[in-house]
Amino acid sequence: MARRADVVRRGLRVSMLIGTILVAINQGDVLSHDGWQPQFGWKRPLTYFVPYAVSTFASVQAINGRAERK
């Protein structure tokens, strides 16, 4: 279910929106003053992956819940 097109699309949209907001909040000062710093590079993919994972998990749970009610 996590590979369904609608679930993946939703996860990507949530990831891009929430991930960008989180990068701005958590790393905005570093990006605006110091530019790209390689030692913080590993944080950015995780900042986008976590909202994707949460959205995908929630979507699969919602789909499972609908299937159980039928």
Protein backbone atom coordinates (compact mmCIF):
# COMPACT_ATOMS: atom_id res chain seq x y z
CA MET A 1 0.00 0.00 0.00
CA ALA A 2 2.87 2.37 0.67
CA ARG A 3 3.77 2.17 -3.02
CA ARG A 4 0.35 3.18 -4.28
CA ALA A 5 0.59 6.22 -6.53
CA ASP A 6 -1.80 8.31 -4.45
CA VAL A 7 0.05 7.50 -1.22
CA VAL A 8 3.45 8.31 -2.76
CA ARG A 9 2.15 11.59 -4.27
CA ARG A 10 0.66 12.65 -0.94
CA GLY A 11 3.86 11.75 0.90
CA LEU A 12 5.99 13.72 -1.55
CA ARG A 13 3.76 16.79 -1.30
CA VAL A 14 3.79 16.68 2.50
CA SER A 15 7.54 16.06 2.52
CA MET A 16 8.30 19.02 0.27
CA LEU A 17 6.09 21.41 2.21
CA ILE A 18 6.90 20.36 5.76
CA GLY A 19 10.54 19.53 5.00
CA THR A 20 11.14 22.97 3.51
CA ILE A 21 9.52 24.65 6.49
CA LEU A 22 11.63 22.56 8.89
CA VAL A 23 14.86 23.33 6.99
CA ALA A 24 14.04 27.04 7.16
CA ILE A 25 13.30 26.86 10.88
CA ASN A 26 16.14 24.57 11.94
CA GLN A 27 18.90 25.51 9.50
CA GLY A 28 17.85 28.85 8.04
CA ASP A 29 20.41 30.89 9.94
CA VAL A 30 23.24 28.60 8.84
CA LEU A 31 22.09 28.68 5.22
CA SER A 32 21.62 32.45 5.14
CA HIS A 33 24.94 33.34 6.79
CA ASP A 34 27.36 30.54 6.05
CA GLY A 35 25.85 28.93 2.95
CA TRP A 36 26.13 25.20 2.38
CA GLN A 37 28.17 23.38 5.01
CA PRO A 38 28.93 19.74 4.22
CA GLN A 39 28.93 18.67 7.88
CA PHE A 40 25.20 19.48 8.04
CA GLY A 41 24.39 17.91 4.68
CA TRP A 42 23.14 14.65 6.21
CA LYS A 43 20.40 16.52 8.11
CA ARG A 44 18.62 17.84 5.04
CA PRO A 45 17.62 14.49 3.53
CA LEU A 46 16.37 13.35 6.93
CA THR A 47 14.41 16.57 7.33
CA TYR A 48 12.50 15.64 4.17
CA PHE A 49 12.34 11.89 4.80
CA VAL A 50 10.68 12.08 8.22
CA PRO A 51 7.53 13.92 7.01
CA TYR A 52 7.36 11.55 4.02
CA ALA A 53 7.54 8.52 6.31
CA VAL A 54 4.93 9.90 8.71
CA SER A 55 2.56 10.79 5.87
CA THR A 56 2.99 7.38 4.26
CA PHE A 57 2.45 5.59 7.56
CA ALA A 58 -0.70 7.62 8.26
CA SER A 59 -2.03 6.99 4.76
CA VAL A 60 -1.50 3.24 5.02
CA GLN A 61 -3.17 3.20 8.44
CA ALA A 62 -6.13 5.13 7.05
CA ILE A 63 -6.44 2.72 4.11
CA ASN A 64 -6.26 -0.25 6.47
CA GLY A 65 -8.92 1.30 8.69
CA ARG A 66 -11.27 1.73 5.75
CA ALA A 67 -10.66 -1.86 4.67
CA GLU A 68 -11.45 -3.18 8.15
CA ARG A 69 -14.73 -1.27 8.35
CA LYS A 70 -16.05 -2.78 5.13
